[in-house]
Amino acid sequence: MAMNVIGKRVGSFTDKKTGEVITFGKIFVVYPADESMKGTEGDIAEAISLKPEMVAQIPVGSDIELYYNKYGRVNDFDIVSPAK
């Protein structure tokens, strides 16, 4: 299912226990509710965690398709239509 990227964020923080700097990435997307999603209608908005390197490759405004690995993490994506 294609989803529209409406925003993205890359940031970092220092782990208080280890002192390690943790870098993270998120994209913010919207997509139409599926018929199988009982009790929902209209569009769904969601924040999805990705590696910062992947976030850098995804333009805001584009439609993308995400692919997940067996652990439920995004491991690849396709740009279905570029940003307008």
Foldseek 3Di string as FASTA:
>chain_A
DKWAFAAKDWDWDADPVPRDIDIWIKTKTKDADDPVPPPDGGIDIDIATDHPVVRVVADHQFIKDFDADPVGHTDDMDGPGHHD
